[in-house]
């Protein structure tokens, strides 16, 4: 089978630079996709280095790299420590993650990720996933649907949208992206249609793939998985993800503040390295997907 067409990876140099690669180190790319970040890491590794990559999407498996130093694990990265242990790996020198949907997933109409194409309501990153966008739109109770749209899409009209969807599906199931657009037409003024649709799709996609839950589980494993001075290099595409990453790097928590010792000092597992990194105008011009990317780098203390 031919390799799937994937676009240029976002913040390639900056994210891999952030790992501060050691030639004989062990690294993990938890979002393999088209393999762009993995190939750059392999270029910088010596003969004794090792790279493990994760991807649950069957399309990404076609891009597997033929290199003795490389292992592709066909699983969701929420299980990163468990699967690395199967290879005898308890700690690593660095972990890279490029979250969100790949350009390839957006560009294949039948996957249902893009607002540009008519397709069935799917949005599953793994076809093994039982839950699809169809289920969220047609099976969720109206209140559950409101929560999804409000929490993950940050939509002001979430309650009204959920009500309209709930009424429409009583007449007939909402099966396609085009049907969903028609049902929500009153909430899509011409000058904001694309932005609001993107928020709706984002909300449903996050719910289908449990993206926030997965990110939390992944982050909680990092303090034990990383060696001392091991690096974490993470690219987020929306504020929900970026807030979780930023907060975890700062405090090792998602809510509240870390406890202080008798002297008022706080023990946290990670420290941030540098500031927030975003793509330059040139990269955004070349790759529109880069426009919302935010890279944060941290080091195990």
Protein backbone atom coordinates (compact mmCIF):
# COMPACT_ATOMS: atom_id res chain seq x y z
CA UNK A 1 0.00 0.00 0.00
CA UNK A 2 1.30 3.48 -0.77
CA UNK A 3 2.23 5.81 2.04
CA UNK A 4 -0.45 8.23 3.13
CA UNK A 5 0.08 11.87 2.16
CA UNK A 6 0.88 13.94 5.24
CA UNK A 7 1.80 17.61 5.38
CA UNK A 8 4.96 19.14 6.80
CA UNK A 9 5.08 18.77 10.59
CA UNK A 10 4.49 21.91 12.66
CA UNK A 11 7.38 23.56 14.59
CA UNK A 12 9.63 20.69 13.50
CA UNK A 13 13.04 22.16 14.37
CA UNK A 14 11.89 23.94 17.52
CA UNK A 15 10.11 20.91 19.02
CA UNK A 16 12.98 18.50 18.32
CA UNK A 17 15.59 21.06 19.46
CA UNK A 18 13.60 21.24 22.69
CA UNK A 19 14.34 17.57 23.40
CA UNK A 20 18.10 18.30 23.46
CA UNK A 21 18.77 14.90 21.85
CA UNK A 22 21.55 12.70 23.21
CA UNK A 23 22.99 10.40 20.55
CA UNK A 24 22.50 7.24 22.64
CA UNK A 25 19.25 8.37 24.27
CA UNK A 26 15.80 6.79 24.30
CA UNK A 27 12.97 8.99 22.98
CA UNK A 28 9.23 8.75 22.39
CA UNK A 29 7.09 10.44 19.73
CA UNK A 30 3.56 9.88 21.04
CA UNK A 31 1.82 11.29 17.93
CA UNK A 32 3.59 9.62 14.99
CA UNK A 33 1.21 10.65 12.15
CA UNK A 34 3.22 11.13 8.99
CA UNK A 35 6.46 10.51 10.86
CA UNK A 36 7.99 13.95 10.28
CA UNK A 37 9.03 14.56 13.88
CA UNK A 38 10.21 10.95 14.24
CA UNK A 39 12.45 11.21 11.17
CA UNK A 40 14.04 14.38 12.54
CA UNK A 41 14.70 12.70 15.90
CA UNK A 42 16.27 9.68 14.15
CA UNK A 43 18.58 12.00 12.18
CA UNK A 44 19.99 13.24 15.47
CA UNK A 45 20.30 9.85 17.17
CA UNK A 46 23.45 7.72 16.99
CA UNK A 47 23.59 3.99 16.25
CA UNK A 48 22.77 3.14 19.89
CA UNK A 49 19.85 5.55 20.20
CA UNK A 50 16.24 4.35 20.26
CA UNK A 51 12.94 5.92 19.25
CA UNK A 52 9.49 4.57 20.11
CA UNK A 53 6.45 6.10 18.43
CA UNK A 54 2.73 5.75 19.17
CA UNK A 55 -0.27 6.10 16.87
CA UNK A 56 -3.75 4.57 17.09
CA UNK A 57 -4.75 5.64 13.56
CA UNK A 58 -4.47 2.80 11.04
CA UNK A 59 -3.65 5.29 8.25
CA UNK A 60 -0.51 6.43 10.10
CA UNK A 61 0.81 2.87 10.27
CA UNK A 62 1.49 3.02 6.52
CA UNK A 63 4.27 5.54 7.28
CA UNK A 64 6.25 3.18 9.50
CA UNK A 65 10.00 3.87 9.26
CA UNK A 66 12.37 1.04 8.33
CA UNK A 67 15.13 1.65 10.87
CA UNK A 68 16.50 -0.73 13.51
CA UNK A 69 16.41 2.09 16.06
CA UNK A 70 12.68 2.67 15.55
CA UNK A 71 9.61 0.91 16.98
CA UNK A 72 6.02 1.91 16.11
CA UNK A 73 3.49 1.00 18.80
CA UNK A 74 -0.02 0.86 17.34
CA UNK A 75 -1.83 2.14 20.42
CA UNK A 76 -3.24 5.27 22.03
CA UNK A 77 -0.52 7.20 23.87
CA UNK A 78 -2.66 7.28 27.03
CA UNK A 79 -1.04 3.86 27.70
CA UNK A 80 2.53 5.07 27.06
CA UNK A 81 4.23 3.68 30.18
CA UNK A 82 2.44 0.32 30.02
CA UNK A 83 3.47 -0.37 26.42
CA UNK A 84 7.04 0.88 26.85
CA UNK A 85 7.45 -1.55 29.74
CA UNK A 86 6.71 -4.40 27.31
CA UNK A 87 9.97 -3.37 25.60
CA UNK A 88 11.83 -3.17 28.92
CA UNK A 89 11.76 0.64 28.96
CA UNK A 90 10.99 2.23 32.34
CA UNK A 91 12.45 5.70 31.76
CA UNK A 92 13.30 7.80 28.69
CA UNK A 93 15.36 10.87 27.82
CA UNK A 94 12.59 12.76 26.09
CA UNK A 95 8.97 12.73 24.92
CA UNK A 96 7.48 14.69 22.01
CA UNK A 97 3.74 15.20 21.41
CA UNK A 98 2.00 17.06 18.57
CA UNK A 99 -1.65 16.95 19.60
CA UNK A 100 -4.85 17.54 17.67
CA UNK A 101 -5.85 16.23 14.25
CA UNK A 102 -3.26 15.59 11.55
CA UNK A 103 -3.50 17.35 8.20
CA UNK A 104 -4.08 13.94 6.63
CA UNK A 105 -7.11 13.27 8.84
CA UNK A 106 -8.56 16.66 7.87
CA UNK A 107 -7.92 16.02 4.17
CA UNK A 108 -9.64 12.62 3.90
CA UNK A 109 -13.34 13.49 3.48
CA UNK A 110 -14.77 10.20 4.74
CA UNK A 111 -13.08 10.63 8.15
CA UNK A 112 -15.55 13.47 8.82
CA UNK A 113 -13.03 15.78 10.56
CA UNK A 114 -13.23 18.69 8.14
CA UNK A 115 -15.92 21.33 7.66
CA UNK A 116 -14.93 21.45 3.95
CA UNK A 117 -16.42 18.13 2.88
CA UNK A 118 -19.73 16.34 3.10
CA UNK A 119 -19.20 13.06 4.96
CA UNK A 120 -20.77 10.74 7.47
CA UNK A 121 -20.44 11.84 11.10
CA UNK A 122 -17.40 9.83 12.19
CA UNK A 123 -14.36 11.76 13.62
CA UNK A 124 -12.77 8.68 15.20
CA UNK A 125 -8.97 8.81 15.37
CA UNK A 126 -9.01 5.02 15.64
CA UNK A 127 -11.57 2.95 13.79
CA UNK A 128 -11.56 0.57 16.77
CA UNK A 129 -13.28 3.31 18.77
CA UNK A 130 -16.93 2.38 19.47
CA UNK A 131 -18.08 5.98 19.88
CA UNK A 132 -18.45 8.14 16.75
CA UNK A 133 -19.67 11.66 16.03
CA UNK A 134 -22.96 10.11 14.89
CA UNK A 135 -23.51 8.77 18.43
CA UNK A 136 -22.71 12.10 20.09
CA UNK A 137 -25.14 13.98 17.83
CA UNK A 138 -27.93 11.39 17.73
CA UNK A 139 -27.75 9.42 20.99
CA UNK A 140 -26.50 11.84 23.68
CA UNK A 141 -29.18 13.37 25.89
CA UNK A 142 -29.79 17.06 25.19
CA UNK A 143 -28.05 18.09 28.44
CA UNK A 144 -25.00 15.91 27.68
CA UNK A 145 -24.81 17.48 24.23
CA UNK A 146 -24.97 20.99 25.72
CA UNK A 147 -22.08 20.11 28.06
CA UNK A 148 -19.94 18.86 25.17
CA UNK A 149 -20.58 21.96 23.04
CA UNK A 150 -20.07 24.35 25.94
CA UNK A 151 -17.04 22.71 27.54
CA UNK A 152 -15.07 21.59 24.48
CA UNK A 153 -16.29 24.10 21.86
CA UNK A 154 -16.62 27.06 24.24
CA UNK A 155 -19.82 27.93 22.37
CA UNK A 156 -22.05 30.65 23.81
CA UNK A 157 -25.17 29.17 22.16
CA UNK A 158 -24.48 25.62 23.35
CA UNK A 159 -27.83 25.21 25.12
CA UNK A 160 -29.87 26.42 22.13
CA UNK A 161 -27.78 24.35 19.70
CA UNK A 162 -28.32 21.20 21.76
CA UNK A 163 -32.06 21.85 21.82
CA UNK A 164 -32.23 22.34 18.03
CA UNK A 165 -30.23 19.14 17.38
CA UNK A 166 -32.43 17.24 19.83
CA UNK A 167 -35.60 18.40 18.04
CA UNK A 168 -34.21 17.74 14.53
CA UNK A 169 -33.17 14.16 15.25
CA UNK A 170 -36.73 13.29 16.35
CA UNK A 171 -37.73 13.73 12.69
CA UNK A 172 -34.77 11.80 11.23
CA UNK A 173 -31.24 10.91 12.31
CA UNK A 174 -28.53 13.52 11.58
CA UNK A 175 -26.15 11.34 9.57
CA UNK A 176 -23.84 13.70 7.65
CA UNK A 177 -21.79 16.84 8.16
CA UNK A 178 -24.03 18.62 5.66
CA UNK A 179 -27.18 17.67 7.59
CA UNK A 180 -25.60 18.95 10.80
CA UNK A 181 -24.82 22.29 9.11
CA UNK A 182 -28.45 22.59 7.93
CA UNK A 183 -29.80 21.80 11.40
CA UNK A 184 -27.59 24.50 12.94
CA UNK A 185 -27.99 27.00 10.08
CA UNK A 186 -29.53 29.71 12.28
CA UNK A 187 -26.35 29.77 14.42
CA UNK A 188 -24.02 30.15 11.43
CA UNK A 189 -24.00 33.76 10.16
CA UNK A 190 -22.04 34.05 6.90
CA UNK A 191 -19.22 36.13 8.42
CA UNK A 192 -18.65 33.62 11.27
CA UNK A 193 -19.79 30.33 9.75
CA UNK A 194 -16.34 28.76 9.42
CA UNK A 195 -15.24 29.76 12.95
CA UNK A 196 -18.42 28.52 14.66
CA UNK A 197 -18.45 25.27 12.64
CA UNK A 198 -14.82 24.68 13.61
CA UNK A 199 -15.78 25.09 17.30
CA UNK A 200 -18.70 22.64 16.90
CA UNK A 201 -16.50 20.07 15.14
CA UNK A 202 -13.76 20.51 17.73
CA UNK A 203 -16.22 19.90 20.58
CA UNK A 204 -17.63 16.71 19.05
CA UNK A 205 -14.18 15.42 18.02
CA UNK A 206 -12.75 15.95 21.52
CA UNK A 207 -15.69 14.02 23.01
CA UNK A 208 -15.47 11.17 20.47
CA UNK A 209 -11.75 10.66 21.09
CA UNK A 210 -11.74 11.56 24.81
CA UNK A 211 -8.89 13.93 24.00
CA UNK A 212 -8.83 15.88 27.27
CA UNK A 213 -9.05 12.71 29.35
CA UNK A 214 -6.24 11.14 27.29
CA UNK A 215 -4.02 14.23 27.65
CA UNK A 216 -4.49 14.27 31.44
CA UNK A 217 -3.64 10.56 31.73
CA UNK A 218 -0.57 11.06 29.54
CA UNK A 219 0.74 14.08 31.48
CA UNK A 220 0.36 12.32 34.83
CA UNK A 221 2.77 9.60 33.60
CA UNK A 222 5.52 12.02 32.59
CA UNK A 223 7.22 12.62 35.97
CA UNK A 224 7.90 8.89 36.38
CA UNK A 225 8.63 8.18 32.71
CA UNK A 226 11.23 10.92 32.23
CA UNK A 227 14.77 10.49 33.52
CA UNK A 228 16.27 13.32 35.57
CA UNK A 229 16.86 16.21 33.12
CA UNK A 230 14.70 14.38 30.53
CA UNK A 231 12.76 16.73 28.26
CA UNK A 232 9.09 17.09 27.34
CA UNK A 233 8.23 18.92 24.09
CA UNK A 234 4.49 19.41 23.53
CA UNK A 235 2.54 21.16 20.76
CA UNK A 236 -1.12 22.10 21.43
CA UNK A 237 -3.69 23.59 19.07
CA UNK A 238 -6.47 24.87 21.29
CA UNK A 239 -6.70 26.61 24.64
CA UNK A 240 -8.17 23.63 26.51
CA UNK A 241 -5.07 21.51 25.77
CA UNK A 242 -2.60 24.34 26.20
CA UNK A 243 -4.03 25.32 29.60
CA UNK A 244 -3.65 21.72 30.85
CA UNK A 245 -0.07 21.48 29.57
CA UNK A 246 0.92 24.89 30.96
CA UNK A 247 -0.63 24.22 34.36
CA UNK A 248 0.87 20.74 34.68
CA UNK A 249 4.35 21.99 33.82
CA UNK A 250 4.00 24.79 36.38
CA UNK A 251 2.52 22.84 39.28
CA UNK A 252 2.28 19.12 38.48
CA UNK A 253 -1.49 19.52 38.93
CA UNK A 254 -4.55 20.36 36.83
CA UNK A 255 -6.49 22.11 39.58
CA UNK A 256 -5.52 23.89 42.77
CA UNK A 257 -2.03 24.71 43.97
CA UNK A 258 0.80 22.38 45.04
CA UNK A 259 1.44 21.99 48.77
CA UNK A 260 4.26 23.97 50.34
CA UNK A 261 6.72 22.50 52.81
CA UNK A 262 7.53 23.94 56.25
CA UNK A 263 9.77 26.57 54.63
CA UNK A 264 7.19 27.63 52.05
CA UNK A 265 8.90 25.82 49.17
CA UNK A 266 6.95 23.96 46.52
CA UNK A 267 8.09 20.64 45.09
CA UNK A 268 7.07 20.20 41.47
CA UNK A 269 8.26 17.42 39.13
CA UNK A 270 8.99 19.57 36.07
CA UNK A 271 10.40 22.99 35.27
CA UNK A 272 9.63 24.95 32.15
CA UNK A 273 12.41 25.53 29.64
CA UNK A 274 12.20 28.91 27.91
CA UNK A 275 8.90 30.58 27.08
CA UNK A 276 5.97 29.78 24.84
CA UNK A 277 7.05 29.13 21.22
CA UNK A 278 4.68 29.84 18.32
CA UNK A 279 5.26 29.53 14.56
CA UNK A 280 6.57 32.51 12.60
CA UNK A 281 4.69 34.19 9.75
CA UNK A 282 6.67 32.20 7.16
CA UNK A 283 5.68 28.81 8.62
CA UNK A 284 2.02 29.87 8.93
CA UNK A 285 2.05 31.00 5.27
CA UNK A 286 3.42 27.58 4.23
CA UNK A 287 1.18 25.54 6.55
CA UNK A 288 -2.14 27.01 7.66
CA UNK A 289 -2.51 24.33 10.36
CA UNK A 290 0.42 25.96 12.19
CA UNK A 291 -1.50 29.17 12.93
CA UNK A 292 -2.87 28.00 16.29
CA UNK A 293 0.12 25.87 17.39
CA UNK A 294 1.74 26.48 20.78
CA UNK A 295 4.90 24.68 21.86
CA UNK A 296 5.90 24.32 25.51
CA UNK A 297 9.08 22.60 26.68
CA UNK A 298 9.77 21.24 30.16
CA UNK A 299 12.51 19.32 31.96
CA UNK A 300 12.30 16.72 34.73
CA UNK A 301 13.83 18.16 37.87
